[in-house]
C-alpha atoms as a PDB file:
ATOM      1  CA  MET A   1     -19.363 154.627 -15.731  1.00  0.00           C
ATOM      2  CA  THR A   2     -17.871 156.350 -12.683  1.00  0.00           C
ATOM      3  CA  ALA A   3     -20.016 157.205  -9.684  1.00  0.00           C
ATOM      4  CA  LYS A   4     -19.411 160.392  -7.745  1.00  0.00           C
ATOM      5  CA  THR A   5     -18.422 160.014  -4.139  1.00  0.00           C
ATOM      6  CA  THR A   6     -20.518 162.164  -1.855  1.00  0.00           C
ATOM      7  CA  ALA A   7     -19.626 163.374   1.628  1.00  0.00           C
ATOM      8  CA  ALA A   8     -22.186 160.957   3.115  1.00  0.00           C
ATOM      9  CA  ALA A   9     -20.744 158.017   1.176  1.00  0.00           C
ATOM     10  CA  THR A  10     -17.210 159.001   2.163  1.00  0.00           C
ATOM     11  CA  ALA A  11     -18.115 159.071   5.860  1.00  0.00           C
ATOM     12  CA  ALA A  12     -19.327 155.453   5.647  1.00  0.00           C
ATOM     13  CA  GLU A  13     -16.234 154.249   3.815  1.00  0.00           C
ATOM     14  CA  PRO A  14     -13.307 152.864   5.793  1.00  0.00           C
ATOM     15  CA  GLU A  15     -10.116 154.864   5.809  1.00  0.00           C
ATOM     16  CA  TYR A  16      -7.846 153.793   2.946  1.00  0.00           C
ATOM     17  CA  ASP A  17      -4.138 154.480   3.114  1.00  0.00           C
ATOM     18  CA  PHE A  18      -3.271 155.134  -0.534  1.00  0.00           C
ATOM     19  CA  ASP A  19      -0.101 157.042   0.305  1.00  0.00           C
ATOM     20  CA  ASN A  20       1.618 154.117   2.014  1.00  0.00           C
ATOM     21  CA  TRP A  21       0.620 151.383  -0.432  1.00  0.00           C
ATOM     22  CA  SER A  22       3.773 149.614  -1.611  1.00  0.00           C
ATOM     23  CA  GLU A  23       4.817 147.140  -4.266  1.00  0.00           C
ATOM     24  CA  GLU A  24       5.162 144.580  -1.471  1.00  0.00           C
ATOM     25  CA  ASP A  25       1.566 145.250  -0.345  1.00  0.00           C
ATOM     26  CA  GLU A  26       0.449 144.828  -3.949  1.00  0.00           C
ATOM     27  CA  ALA A  27       2.318 141.539  -4.331  1.00  0.00           C
ATOM     28  CA  LYS A  28       0.793 140.150  -1.121  1.00  0.00           C
ATOM     29  CA  ALA A  29      -2.719 141.246  -2.111  1.00  0.00           C
ATOM     30  CA  LEU A  30      -2.397 139.696  -5.580  1.00  0.00           C
ATOM     31  CA  ALA A  31      -1.008 136.443  -4.144  1.00  0.00           C
ATOM     32  CA  ALA A  32      -3.973 136.233  -1.766  1.00  0.00           C
ATOM     33  CA  LEU A  33      -6.394 136.672  -4.690  1.00  0.00           C
ATOM     34  CA  ALA A  34      -4.767 134.057  -6.943  1.00  0.00           C
ATOM     35  CA  PRO A  35      -7.119 131.097  -7.408  1.00  0.00           C
ATOM     36  CA  ASP A  36      -5.930 127.705  -6.158  1.00  0.00           C
ATOM     37  CA  ILE A  37      -6.160 125.765  -9.417  1.00  0.00           C
ATOM     38  CA  LYS A  38      -4.894 122.191  -9.475  1.00  0.00           C
ATOM     39  CA  HIS A  39      -4.457 119.841 -12.397  1.00  0.00           C
ATOM     40  CA  ILE A  40      -3.180 116.415 -13.319  1.00  0.00           C
ATOM     41  CA  ILE A  41      -2.720 114.552 -16.584  1.00  0.00           C
ATOM     42  CA  VAL A  42      -4.368 111.151 -16.929  1.00  0.00           C
ATOM     43  CA  GLU A  43      -3.738 109.304 -20.173  1.00  0.00           C
ATOM     44  CA  LYS A  44      -4.556 111.888 -22.878  1.00  0.00           C
ATOM     45  CA  ASN A  45      -6.686 114.118 -20.638  1.00  0.00           C
ATOM     46  CA  PHE A  46      -6.126 117.288 -18.666  1.00  0.00           C
ATOM     47  CA  ILE A  47      -8.054 116.969 -15.389  1.00  0.00           C
ATOM     48  CA  GLY A  48      -8.440 120.290 -13.588  1.00  0.00           C
ATOM     49  CA  ARG A  49      -9.945 121.135 -10.220  1.00  0.00           C
ATOM     50  CA  PHE A  50     -11.432 124.560  -9.514  1.00  0.00           C
ATOM     51  CA  PRO A  51     -11.181 125.987  -5.955  1.00  0.00           C
ATOM     52  CA  ASP A  52     -14.793 124.962  -5.248  1.00  0.00           C
ATOM     53  CA  GLY A  53     -13.883 121.321  -5.969  1.00  0.00           C
ATOM     54  CA  THR A  54     -15.458 121.176  -9.431  1.00  0.00           C
ATOM     55  CA  ILE A  55     -13.469 118.861 -11.682  1.00  0.00           C
ATOM     56  CA  VAL A  56     -13.260 119.318 -15.445  1.00  0.00           C
ATOM     57  CA  LYS A  57     -11.818 116.861 -17.931  1.00  0.00           C
ATOM     58  CA  VAL A  58     -10.517 118.202 -21.239  1.00  0.00           C
ATOM     59  CA  PRO A  59      -8.878 115.985 -23.848  1.00  0.00           C
ATOM     60  CA  LEU A  60      -5.362 116.985 -24.816  1.00  0.00           C
ATOM     61  CA  SER A  61      -5.960 115.792 -28.370  1.00  0.00           C
ATOM     62  CA  ILE A  62      -6.832 118.836 -30.459  1.00  0.00           C
ATOM     63  CA  SER A  63      -7.205 118.521 -34.209  1.00  0.00           C
ATOM     64  CA  LEU A  64      -6.808 121.162 -36.893  1.00  0.00           C
ATOM     65  CA  ASP A  65     -10.568 120.847 -37.439  1.00  0.00           C
ATOM     66  CA  ASP A  66     -11.077 121.814 -33.778  1.00  0.00           C
ATOM     67  CA  VAL A  67      -8.894 124.880 -34.266  1.00  0.00           C
ATOM     68  CA  ASP A  68     -10.766 125.769 -37.471  1.00  0.00           C
ATOM     69  CA  ALA A  69     -14.120 125.504 -35.666  1.00  0.00           C
ATOM     70  CA  MET A  70     -12.782 127.699 -32.869  1.00  0.00           C
ATOM     71  CA  SER A  71     -11.782 130.521 -35.180  1.00  0.00           C
ATOM     72  CA  LYS A  72     -14.630 130.201 -37.692  1.00  0.00           C
ATOM     73  CA  ASP A  73     -17.509 131.718 -35.735  1.00  0.00           C
ATOM     74  CA  SER A  74     -15.855 134.502 -33.773  1.00  0.00           C
ATOM     75  CA  VAL A  75     -12.757 136.637 -33.402  1.00  0.00           C
ATOM     76  CA  ASN A  76     -13.511 137.160 -29.703  1.00  0.00           C
ATOM     77  CA  PRO A  77     -10.954 135.063 -27.735  1.00  0.00           C
ATOM     78  CA  VAL A  78     -13.482 134.183 -25.020  1.00  0.00           C
ATOM     79  CA  ASP A  79     -15.979 132.863 -27.571  1.00  0.00           C
ATOM     80  CA  GLN A  80     -13.208 131.038 -29.387  1.00  0.00           C
ATOM     81  CA  PHE A  81     -12.081 129.319 -26.206  1.00  0.00           C
ATOM     82  CA  LYS A  82     -15.659 128.327 -25.345  1.00  0.00           C
ATOM     83  CA  THR A  83     -16.068 126.899 -28.846  1.00  0.00           C
ATOM     84  CA  LEU A  84     -12.837 124.944 -28.459  1.00  0.00           C
ATOM     85  CA  LEU A  85     -13.957 123.605 -25.078  1.00  0.00           C
ATOM     86  CA  SER A  86     -17.294 122.525 -26.550  1.00  0.00           C
ATOM     87  CA  GLN A  87     -15.526 120.954 -29.514  1.00  0.00           C
ATOM     88  CA  VAL A  88     -12.994 118.885 -27.543  1.00  0.00           C
ATOM     89  CA  GLY A  89     -14.630 118.512 -24.129  1.00  0.00           C
ATOM     90  CA  GLY A  90     -18.334 118.880 -24.850  1.00  0.00           C
ATOM     91  CA  ASP A  91     -20.919 121.515 -24.012  1.00  0.00           C
ATOM     92  CA  GLU A  92     -20.927 120.502 -20.326  1.00  0.00           C
ATOM     93  CA  VAL A  93     -17.217 121.312 -19.943  1.00  0.00           C
ATOM     94  CA  SER A  94     -17.681 124.636 -21.719  1.00  0.00           C
ATOM     95  CA  ALA A  95     -20.637 125.486 -19.465  1.00  0.00           C
ATOM     96  CA  GLU A  96     -18.635 124.549 -16.356  1.00  0.00           C
ATOM     97  CA  PHE A  97     -15.837 126.933 -17.334  1.00  0.00           C
ATOM     98  CA  SER A  98     -18.389 129.683 -18.014  1.00  0.00           C
ATOM     99  CA  ARG A  99     -19.972 129.323 -14.555  1.00  0.00           C
ATOM    100  CA  HIS A 100     -16.746 130.002 -12.675  1.00  0.00           C
ATOM    101  CA  ASP A 101     -15.150 133.276 -11.686  1.00  0.00           C
ATOM    102  CA  LEU A 102     -13.232 134.818 -14.572  1.00  0.00           C
ATOM    103  CA  THR A 103      -9.882 134.713 -12.745  1.00  0.00           C
ATOM    104  CA  GLU A 104     -10.395 130.995 -12.025  1.00  0.00           C
ATOM    105  CA  THR A 105     -11.356 130.343 -15.641  1.00  0.00           C
ATOM    106  CA  ILE A 106      -8.328 132.206 -16.957  1.00  0.00           C
ATOM    107  CA  ALA A 107      -6.026 130.378 -14.523  1.00  0.00           C
ATOM    108  CA  MET A 108      -7.461 126.988 -15.543  1.00  0.00           C
ATOM    109  CA  SER A 109      -7.229 127.888 -19.230  1.00  0.00           C
ATOM    110  CA  GLU A 110      -3.636 128.979 -18.808  1.00  0.00           C
ATOM    111  CA  ARG A 111      -2.820 125.667 -17.089  1.00  0.00           C
ATOM    112  CA  PHE A 112      -4.455 123.751 -19.939  1.00  0.00           C
ATOM    113  CA  PHE A 113      -2.641 125.638 -22.707  1.00  0.00           C
ATOM    114  CA  THR A 114       0.686 125.496 -20.859  1.00  0.00           C
ATOM    115  CA  THR A 115       0.255 121.725 -20.566  1.00  0.00           C
ATOM    116  CA  PHE A 116      -0.691 121.478 -24.231  1.00  0.00           C
ATOM    117  CA  SER A 117       2.334 123.578 -25.198  1.00  0.00           C
ATOM    118  CA  ARG A 118       4.636 121.349 -23.168  1.00  0.00           C
ATOM    119  CA  ILE A 119       3.282 118.309 -25.006  1.00  0.00           C
ATOM    120  CA  THR A 120       4.023 119.842 -28.396  1.00  0.00           C
ATOM    121  CA  SER A 121       7.535 120.739 -27.268  1.00  0.00           C
ATOM    122  CA  ALA A 122       8.294 117.302 -25.831  1.00  0.00           C
ATOM    123  CA  THR A 123      11.131 115.383 -27.412  1.00  0.00           C
ATOM    124  CA  LEU A 124       9.907 112.359 -29.316  1.00  0.00           C
ATOM    125  CA  PRO A 125      11.631 109.062 -28.615  1.00  0.00           C
ATOM    126  CA  GLU A 126      14.230 108.020 -31.187  1.00  0.00           C
END
C-alpha cells in the first residue's frame, strides 16, 4: 500500500538528494546496515552471536530425518528453517532467531549454512 505525499508532509521531510546518489553512496549505506554477526565452531556446534550479544548454539549434525521434518509441514522457506532450528537446536533456539531483526536472522542463517556446507565439502582423512 502506497501513501500519498501531501504538501504538508513534504514540507516536514528533510531534503533528499536523489539526483546525486551514487553506487559508492549505496555501497557505504549497505555496509553500515550490515549486521555484525560473529560465530565460532566448538566441537560439533555452531555458536553464533547476534549484535545485541545474544548467543545461539546450533548443532552441526543434521540428519535426513531433520531435513524431512523441515520440508514436511511447509513449503515456505522461513517456516522450514524455523522447523529445522527447532528440530536440531530446540524450540528456544528457533524462538531466539524469530525474535531478532530479519537481516540479522538471515545473516546468522547464512553463516550457519555456509559453515555446514564447508563441513560437507571438507576432505576426509585418508
